[in-house]
Amino acid sequence: MNQRELSEIRRRLNPEKRNPTLLRGCYVSAEGQVISTFTRSFGNMPNEENEKYMALFKRCLSGAFGQNLHLIELTVGEGVTPQQDLLLGLQESALTDEESIAAFYQRAIQHVVDLHQRMAQSVDRQQAASNYLIALLHDGYDVPARNHNDEMDREQSMNVFHYILCCVCPVKQSKPALRYDTADSDFHSRSSDWVVAAPELGFLYPAFEDGGANVNRALYYTHDPADLHTVFLQNVFGAEPGMTAPQQKETFQAILEETLAEECGLDVVQAMHETVRGMMEEQKADKKAEPLAFTPQDVKNVLTDCGVSQEKAQAFETRCAETFGAQTEIPAVNMIAPRQFHVDTPSVSIRVDPERSDLIETRIIDGKPYLLVPVDGDVEVNGMKITCR
């Protein structure tokens, strides 16, 4: 999926359009006990509730590819896995097959139990008391055709894209408080209540690609890039989690430091950051482009263009291929931080506009290394303007 395709589906979730047809839900305790299940039509839902549900589902189509959003491959060899067969059953029945719904709930509930057990062992034990809402919606998107200028022709339809969206949300107990009552213009006590929080994970199935359904892929969302929710991935998709985004970034940087050694200077890092950031900007402008990612060989080519010797660049490619896989594509967002450029020492931290990272340079003065930053405007210390002299 690309950004344009993702945006098309997100637009379907505008509450005023009332596009989705059916909502299914399962409310479970932290221990995995089913408290209630429900089935509702979006067409008969009050506007305020519709907006709240749509906001939850839209969150599962947000974030950066490679960090919050991941494309999951469902096929193994030539066969259809039990997990894919279940997802197909949900999609093709438009969430009306009770056997498939019950089976899916059981798979998702195993994640809730696992999460509760993990949180119970953590420092913040209060989070372990959360219940969970597992919500599913079905929608049929009448995909508009595109003319020779690649503009939508909404009067001509290509096909109908039938899909399901899932979100798994903590349900937390609010604290008792005082509330204002407009009827008597006074404040009164409000008891605690159970409130649905933002989803911690979700998915779109099937993936929306080239104007249609790719039933061999799902778009997976996780709120925390550092937690891929292993049990959910295994139970619902039959997929084994790879490195999380933070792990991928940390590993990539460690390999870069190790293999480039003395050539891993500020000038090389600046050049690589600027090159990759520029490519990301070009990719962002092209809504049809796939999320930018690099194979180990692609990174090697960038490094040589940035002045790294052939020997060091080759050492990086070899080590990177051994760690990630020769054909594995590393998301660009896990290689650099496009919106920031930080330089840190044990005593000093410098934050620079990424577009002006060239302002910083290193220099040896009287045998000691220095970071130099030219002054190109007002200088403030703790908010107070000072004179440089």
Protein backbone atom coordinates (compact mmCIF):
# COMPACT_ATOMS: atom_id res chain seq x y z
CA MET A 1 0.00 0.00 0.00
CA ASN A 2 1.09 3.57 -0.60
CA GLN A 3 0.08 6.85 1.01
CA ARG A 4 -2.63 7.61 -1.55
CA GLU A 5 -4.30 4.23 -1.05
CA LEU A 6 -4.13 4.65 2.71
CA SER A 7 -5.72 8.10 2.43
CA GLU A 8 -8.56 6.73 0.30
CA ILE A 9 -9.54 4.29 3.02
CA ARG A 10 -9.15 6.90 5.77
CA ARG A 11 -11.60 9.16 3.92
CA ARG A 12 -14.17 6.37 4.09
CA LEU A 13 -14.21 6.81 7.85
CA ASN A 14 -15.51 10.36 7.90
CA PRO A 15 -18.58 10.10 10.18
CA GLU A 16 -20.82 12.28 8.01
CA LYS A 17 -20.53 9.76 5.17
CA ARG A 18 -21.77 6.84 7.29
CA ASN A 19 -20.07 4.51 4.86
CA PRO A 20 -19.29 1.36 6.91
CA THR A 21 -22.17 -1.05 7.16
CA LEU A 22 -21.70 -3.23 10.25
CA LEU A 23 -19.97 -3.02 13.62
CA ARG A 24 -19.18 -6.11 15.72
CA GLY A 25 -17.70 -5.87 19.18
CA CYS A 26 -16.46 -7.99 22.06
CA TYR A 27 -15.86 -6.54 25.51
CA VAL A 28 -13.51 -8.66 27.60
CA SER A 29 -11.96 -8.46 31.03
CA ALA A 30 -8.22 -8.25 31.52
CA GLU A 31 -8.27 -11.95 32.42
CA GLY A 32 -9.89 -12.81 29.08
CA GLN A 33 -13.47 -13.37 30.23
CA VAL A 34 -16.11 -12.18 27.74
CA ILE A 35 -18.25 -9.52 29.41
CA SER A 36 -20.49 -8.87 26.40
CA THR A 37 -20.67 -8.99 22.60
CA PHE A 38 -22.71 -6.75 20.32
CA THR A 39 -23.70 -6.16 16.69
CA ARG A 40 -24.73 -2.70 15.46
CA SER A 41 -25.53 -0.99 12.19
CA PHE A 42 -23.72 2.27 11.55
CA GLY A 43 -26.79 3.51 9.68
CA ASN A 44 -28.85 3.49 12.89
CA MET A 45 -26.10 4.86 15.13
CA PRO A 46 -26.37 8.38 16.66
CA ASN A 47 -23.92 10.88 15.16
CA GLU A 48 -21.94 11.33 18.36
CA GLU A 49 -21.33 7.58 18.77
CA ASN A 50 -20.53 7.23 15.07
CA GLU A 51 -17.85 9.92 15.40
CA LYS A 52 -16.28 8.23 18.41
CA TYR A 53 -16.06 4.84 16.69
CA MET A 54 -14.73 6.34 13.45
CA ALA A 55 -12.01 8.17 15.41
CA LEU A 56 -10.87 4.86 16.92
CA PHE A 57 -10.71 3.08 13.56
CA LYS A 58 -8.95 6.00 11.86
CA ARG A 59 -6.18 5.80 14.46
CA CYS A 60 -5.42 2.30 13.13
CA LEU A 61 -4.64 3.85 9.73
CA SER A 62 -2.21 6.45 11.05
CA GLY A 63 1.49 6.74 11.71
CA ALA A 64 4.58 5.97 9.65
CA PHE A 65 5.13 2.88 7.53
CA GLY A 66 7.89 0.82 9.12
CA GLN A 67 7.16 2.18 12.58
CA ASN A 68 3.43 2.16 13.38
CA LEU A 69 2.24 0.57 10.12
CA HIS A 70 3.49 -2.76 8.78
CA LEU A 71 2.46 -4.81 5.76
CA ILE A 72 2.06 -8.44 6.86
CA GLU A 73 2.49 -11.28 4.36
CA LEU A 74 -0.05 -14.01 5.06
CA THR A 75 0.86 -16.73 2.58
CA VAL A 76 3.29 -19.53 3.37
CA GLY A 77 4.42 -21.39 0.25
CA GLU A 78 1.47 -22.23 -1.99
CA GLY A 79 -1.16 -22.91 0.66
CA VAL A 80 -3.64 -20.81 2.62
CA THR A 81 -2.90 -20.75 6.33
CA PRO A 82 -5.64 -21.23 8.96
CA GLN A 83 -5.19 -17.59 9.95
CA GLN A 84 -5.68 -16.34 6.39
CA ASP A 85 -8.67 -18.65 5.94
CA LEU A 86 -10.29 -17.14 9.05
CA LEU A 87 -9.68 -13.56 7.84
CA LEU A 88 -11.14 -14.45 4.44
CA GLY A 89 -14.19 -15.84 6.19
CA LEU A 90 -14.70 -12.59 8.08
CA GLN A 91 -14.25 -10.47 4.96
CA GLU A 92 -16.32 -12.55 2.55
CA SER A 93 -19.22 -12.91 5.00
CA ALA A 94 -19.13 -9.16 5.78
CA LEU A 95 -18.80 -10.10 9.49
CA THR A 96 -22.04 -12.13 9.47
CA ASP A 97 -20.52 -15.60 9.90
CA GLU A 98 -20.95 -16.25 13.63
CA GLU A 99 -18.49 -19.15 13.67
CA SER A 100 -15.73 -17.03 12.16
CA ILE A 101 -16.50 -14.14 14.52
CA ALA A 102 -16.31 -16.40 17.58
CA ALA A 103 -13.05 -17.96 16.38
CA PHE A 104 -11.52 -14.54 15.76
CA TYR A 105 -12.52 -13.26 19.19
CA GLN A 106 -10.83 -16.24 20.83
CA ARG A 107 -7.60 -15.59 18.94
CA ALA A 108 -7.65 -11.90 19.88
CA ILE A 109 -8.53 -12.62 23.51
CA GLN A 110 -5.34 -14.66 23.88
CA HIS A 111 -3.47 -11.42 23.20
CA VAL A 112 -5.43 -9.65 25.96
CA VAL A 113 -4.52 -12.37 28.45
CA ASP A 114 -0.86 -12.25 27.44
CA LEU A 115 -0.80 -8.47 27.74
CA HIS A 116 -2.45 -8.60 31.17
CA GLN A 117 0.15 -11.08 32.38
CA ARG A 118 3.00 -8.93 31.08
CA MET A 119 1.60 -5.76 32.64
CA ALA A 120 1.04 -7.53 35.96
CA GLN A 121 4.78 -8.17 36.08
CA SER A 122 5.69 -4.58 35.15
CA VAL A 123 6.33 -1.61 37.39
CA ASP A 124 3.04 0.11 36.49
CA ARG A 125 0.66 -2.57 37.73
CA GLN A 126 -2.41 -0.34 37.52
CA GLN A 127 -2.46 -0.77 33.75
CA ALA A 128 -2.96 -4.50 34.27
CA ALA A 129 -6.51 -3.80 35.46
CA SER A 130 -7.71 -2.54 32.05
CA ASN A 131 -10.50 -4.33 30.22
CA TYR A 132 -10.45 -4.41 26.41
CA LEU A 133 -12.77 -3.67 23.51
CA ILE A 134 -12.19 -5.74 20.35
CA ALA A 135 -14.08 -3.96 17.57
CA LEU A 136 -14.56 -4.90 13.91
CA LEU A 137 -16.22 -3.03 11.08
CA HIS A 138 -17.07 -4.02 7.52
CA ASP A 139 -17.24 -1.69 4.56
CA GLY A 140 -17.66 -1.94 0.81
CA TYR A 141 -15.77 0.80 -1.01
CA ASP A 142 -17.01 1.52 -4.54
CA VAL A 143 -13.56 2.25 -5.99
CA PRO A 144 -13.75 5.08 -8.54
CA ALA A 145 -12.02 4.72 -11.88
CA ARG A 146 -9.21 7.07 -12.87
CA ASN A 147 -8.93 8.92 -16.17
CA HIS A 148 -5.84 9.35 -18.33
CA ASN A 149 -4.67 12.19 -16.06
CA ASP A 150 -4.86 9.85 -13.04
CA GLU A 151 -7.80 11.86 -11.67
CA MET A 152 -10.72 10.14 -9.98
CA ASP A 153 -13.84 9.66 -12.08
CA ARG A 154 -16.44 9.05 -9.38
CA GLU A 155 -19.19 8.32 -11.90
CA GLN A 156 -17.26 5.31 -13.18
CA SER A 157 -16.49 2.46 -10.80
CA MET A 158 -13.69 -0.08 -11.12
CA ASN A 159 -14.93 -2.54 -8.49
CA VAL A 160 -16.07 -2.79 -4.89
CA PHE A 161 -13.34 -3.24 -2.30
CA HIS A 162 -14.78 -5.20 0.63
CA TYR A 163 -12.65 -4.95 3.74
CA ILE A 164 -12.67 -5.26 7.52
CA LEU A 165 -11.00 -3.00 10.04
CA CYS A 166 -10.14 -4.10 13.56
CA CYS A 167 -9.06 -2.13 16.59
CA VAL A 168 -8.15 -3.40 20.05
CA CYS A 169 -8.61 -0.71 22.69
CA PRO A 170 -7.96 -0.63 26.44
CA VAL A 171 -11.05 0.23 28.47
CA LYS A 172 -9.94 2.05 31.62
CA GLN A 173 -11.83 3.09 34.70
CA SER A 174 -12.01 6.85 35.13
CA LYS A 175 -11.61 8.52 38.51
CA PRO A 176 -14.55 9.96 40.46
CA ALA A 177 -14.76 13.73 40.03
CA LEU A 178 -16.93 16.80 40.29
CA ARG A 179 -18.97 17.63 37.19
CA TYR A 180 -20.93 20.76 36.25
CA ASP A 181 -24.67 20.32 35.87
CA THR A 182 -26.19 22.98 33.61
CA ALA A 183 -29.71 22.19 34.88
CA ASP A 184 -29.09 23.68 38.34
CA SER A 185 -25.85 25.58 37.60
CA ASP A 186 -23.94 23.68 40.23
CA PHE A 187 -21.25 21.01 40.59
CA HIS A 188 -22.08 17.46 41.64
CA SER A 189 -20.17 14.27 42.19
CA ARG A 190 -19.54 12.04 39.18
CA SER A 191 -18.92 8.35 39.80
CA SER A 192 -16.16 6.44 38.08
CA ASP A 193 -16.91 4.87 34.72
CA TRP A 194 -15.30 2.62 32.09
CA VAL A 195 -13.95 4.64 29.16
CA VAL A 196 -12.54 3.40 25.85
CA ALA A 197 -8.98 4.63 25.22
CA ALA A 198 -7.07 4.93 21.93
CA PRO A 199 -6.35 1.60 20.20
CA GLU A 200 -3.07 -0.08 21.01
CA LEU A 201 -3.23 -2.16 17.82
CA GLY A 202 -5.41 -2.87 14.80
CA PHE A 203 -5.40 -3.96 11.18
CA LEU A 204 -6.95 -3.58 7.75
CA TYR A 205 -7.70 -6.74 5.77
CA PRO A 206 -7.20 -7.23 2.93
CA ALA A 207 -4.58 -4.66 1.93
CA PHE A 208 -5.85 -2.09 -0.57
CA GLU A 209 -3.44 -2.12 -3.52
CA ASP A 210 -3.79 -1.02 -7.16
CA GLY A 211 -7.46 -0.23 -6.66
CA GLY A 212 -8.36 -3.64 -5.31
CA ALA A 213 -7.88 -6.28 -2.63
CA ASN A 214 -4.62 -8.11 -1.98
CA VAL A 215 -5.89 -10.99 0.14
CA ASN A 216 -2.32 -12.16 0.77
CA ARG A 217 -1.50 -9.04 2.76
CA ALA A 218 -2.83 -7.15 5.75
CA LEU A 219 -1.93 -3.68 7.01
CA TYR A 220 -1.06 -3.94 10.70
CA TYR A 221 -1.02 -1.04 13.18
CA THR A 222 0.70 -0.79 16.54
CA HIS A 223 0.51 2.35 18.68
CA ASP A 224 3.90 1.70 20.25
CA PRO A 225 6.60 1.03 17.60
CA ALA A 226 8.61 -0.76 20.30
CA ASP A 227 5.87 -3.37 20.86
CA LEU A 228 4.68 -5.50 17.92
CA HIS A 229 2.39 -7.62 20.15
CA THR A 230 3.83 -11.04 19.35
CA VAL A 231 0.85 -13.14 20.46
CA PHE A 232 -1.60 -11.17 18.31
CA LEU A 233 0.66 -11.42 15.25
CA GLN A 234 1.02 -15.17 15.70
CA ASN A 235 -2.63 -15.92 16.47
CA VAL A 236 -4.31 -13.65 13.92
CA PHE A 237 -1.78 -13.62 11.05
CA GLY A 238 0.44 -16.64 11.68
CA ALA A 239 3.38 -14.23 11.46
CA GLU A 240 6.55 -14.08 13.51
CA PRO A 241 7.55 -10.57 14.55
CA GLY A 242 10.83 -9.22 13.28
CA MET A 243 12.77 -6.37 14.83
CA THR A 244 10.78 -3.47 16.18
CA ALA A 245 11.48 -0.03 14.72
CA PRO A 246 13.69 1.06 17.66
CA GLN A 247 15.61 -2.23 17.51
CA GLN A 248 16.09 -1.86 13.77
CA LYS A 249 17.37 1.70 14.15
CA GLU A 250 19.72 0.80 17.00
CA THR A 251 21.11 -2.21 15.11
CA PHE A 252 21.56 -0.23 11.90
CA GLN A 253 23.48 2.51 13.70
CA ALA A 254 25.65 -0.01 15.56
CA ILE A 255 26.63 -1.70 12.28
CA LEU A 256 27.39 1.70 10.75
CA GLU A 257 29.66 2.66 13.64
CA GLU A 258 31.41 -0.72 13.70
CA THR A 259 32.12 -1.11 9.99
CA LEU A 260 32.91 2.49 9.08
CA ALA A 261 35.10 2.96 12.17
CA GLU A 262 37.33 6.04 11.68
CA GLU A 263 35.40 7.00 8.52
CA CYS A 264 32.18 7.46 10.52
CA GLY A 265 32.71 11.19 10.82
CA LEU A 266 30.31 14.09 11.10
CA ASP A 267 30.69 14.90 7.41
CA VAL A 268 29.66 11.37 6.37
CA VAL A 269 26.68 11.29 8.75
CA GLN A 270 25.59 14.75 7.57
CA ALA A 271 25.83 13.72 3.92
CA MET A 272 23.94 10.45 4.46
CA HIS A 273 21.25 12.21 6.51
CA GLU A 274 20.79 14.86 3.84
CA THR A 275 20.72 12.33 0.98
CA VAL A 276 18.18 10.02 2.60
CA ARG A 277 16.07 12.92 3.87
CA GLY A 278 15.95 14.36 0.35
CA MET A 279 14.82 11.01 -1.05
CA MET A 280 12.14 10.83 1.64
CA GLU A 281 10.85 14.27 0.67
CA GLU A 282 10.62 13.18 -2.99
CA GLN A 283 8.81 10.00 -1.99
CA LYS A 284 6.40 11.96 0.22
CA ALA A 285 5.51 14.24 -2.68
CA ASP A 286 4.63 11.22 -4.84
CA LYS A 287 1.48 9.82 -3.21
CA LYS A 288 1.66 6.72 -5.41
CA ALA A 289 5.16 5.79 -4.29
CA GLU A 290 5.73 2.87 -1.94
CA PRO A 291 7.23 3.75 1.48
CA LEU A 292 10.95 4.41 1.03
CA ALA A 293 13.17 1.52 2.09
CA PHE A 294 16.75 0.41 1.42
CA THR A 295 18.41 -2.97 0.93
CA PRO A 296 21.95 -3.34 2.33
CA GLN A 297 23.28 -2.80 -1.19
CA ASP A 298 21.22 0.39 -1.55
CA VAL A 299 22.75 1.74 1.65
CA LYS A 300 26.23 0.81 0.43
CA ASN A 301 25.65 2.89 -2.70
CA VAL A 302 24.51 5.85 -0.60
CA LEU A 303 27.61 5.56 1.59
CA THR A 304 30.00 5.55 -1.37
CA ASP A 305 28.21 8.60 -2.77
CA CYS A 306 28.76 10.27 0.62
CA GLY A 307 32.52 9.75 0.48
CA VAL A 308 32.95 6.42 2.28
CA SER A 309 35.71 4.22 0.86
CA GLN A 310 34.74 1.19 -1.19
CA GLU A 311 36.31 -1.10 1.41
CA LYS A 312 34.31 0.30 4.34
CA ALA A 313 31.08 0.49 2.33
CA GLN A 314 31.47 -3.16 1.31
CA ALA A 315 32.14 -4.14 4.92
CA PHE A 316 28.90 -2.41 5.90
CA GLU A 317 26.90 -4.20 3.20
CA THR A 318 28.25 -7.59 4.22
CA ARG A 319 27.57 -7.07 7.91
CA CYS A 320 24.13 -5.56 7.26
CA ALA A 321 23.13 -8.44 4.97
CA GLU A 322 24.20 -10.96 7.61
CA THR A 323 22.07 -9.22 10.23
CA PHE A 324 18.95 -8.19 8.32
CA GLY A 325 19.10 -10.36 5.17
CA ALA A 326 20.52 -9.42 1.77
CA GLN A 327 17.09 -8.63 0.28
CA THR A 328 15.51 -7.17 3.40
CA GLU A 329 14.41 -3.58 2.95
CA ILE A 330 15.10 -1.29 5.89
CA PRO A 331 12.55 1.54 6.15
CA ALA A 332 14.19 4.93 5.71
CA VAL A 333 12.46 6.21 8.87
CA ASN A 334 14.46 3.61 10.83
CA MET A 335 17.76 4.78 9.33
CA ILE A 336 17.52 8.51 10.03
CA ALA A 337 15.23 10.90 11.90
CA PRO A 338 14.13 13.22 9.06
CA ARG A 339 12.76 15.94 11.32
CA GLN A 340 15.72 16.27 13.67
CA PHE A 341 19.49 16.44 13.72
CA HIS A 342 21.02 16.08 17.18
CA VAL A 343 24.68 16.20 18.16
CA ASP A 344 25.37 15.03 21.71
CA THR A 345 28.50 14.97 23.84
CA PRO A 346 28.72 14.04 27.55
CA SER A 347 28.37 17.74 28.45
CA VAL A 348 26.66 19.44 25.50
CA SER A 349 23.65 18.74 23.26
CA ILE A 350 23.03 20.60 20.02
CA ARG A 351 19.70 20.58 18.16
CA VAL A 352 19.83 21.73 14.54
CA ASP A 353 17.22 22.24 11.85
CA PRO A 354 17.72 19.17 9.59
CA GLU A 355 17.86 21.48 6.58
CA ARG A 356 20.81 23.33 8.13
CA SER A 357 22.86 20.44 9.50
CA ASP A 358 25.72 21.78 7.38
CA LEU A 359 26.14 24.58 9.95
CA ILE A 360 27.95 22.17 12.28
CA GLU A 361 31.51 21.15 11.57
CA THR A 362 34.37 19.49 13.42
CA ARG A 363 37.85 20.94 13.65
CA ILE A 364 41.07 20.21 15.50
CA ILE A 365 42.34 23.33 17.30
CA ASP A 366 45.59 23.15 19.29
CA GLY A 367 45.36 19.38 19.16
CA LYS A 368 41.83 19.22 20.61
CA PRO A 369 38.66 18.32 18.65
CA TYR A 370 35.93 20.97 18.57
CA LEU A 371 32.37 21.25 17.29
CA LEU A 372 31.90 24.60 15.57
CA VAL A 373 28.54 26.28 15.00
CA PRO A 374 28.54 29.66 13.21
CA VAL A 375 26.18 32.32 14.56
CA ASP A 376 23.70 33.41 11.88
CA GLY A 377 21.23 35.38 14.00
CA ASP A 378 20.21 36.19 17.56
CA VAL A 379 21.66 34.01 20.32
CA GLU A 380 19.66 33.30 23.48
CA VAL A 381 20.70 31.67 26.74
CA ASN A 382 17.76 30.44 28.83
CA GLY A 383 15.53 32.75 26.81
CA MET A 384 17.74 35.85 27.22
CA LYS A 385 19.46 37.41 24.23
CA ILE A 386 23.21 37.72 24.51
CA THR A 387 25.98 39.36 22.50
CA CYS A 388 28.63 37.10 20.94
CA ARG A 389 32.11 38.63 21.24
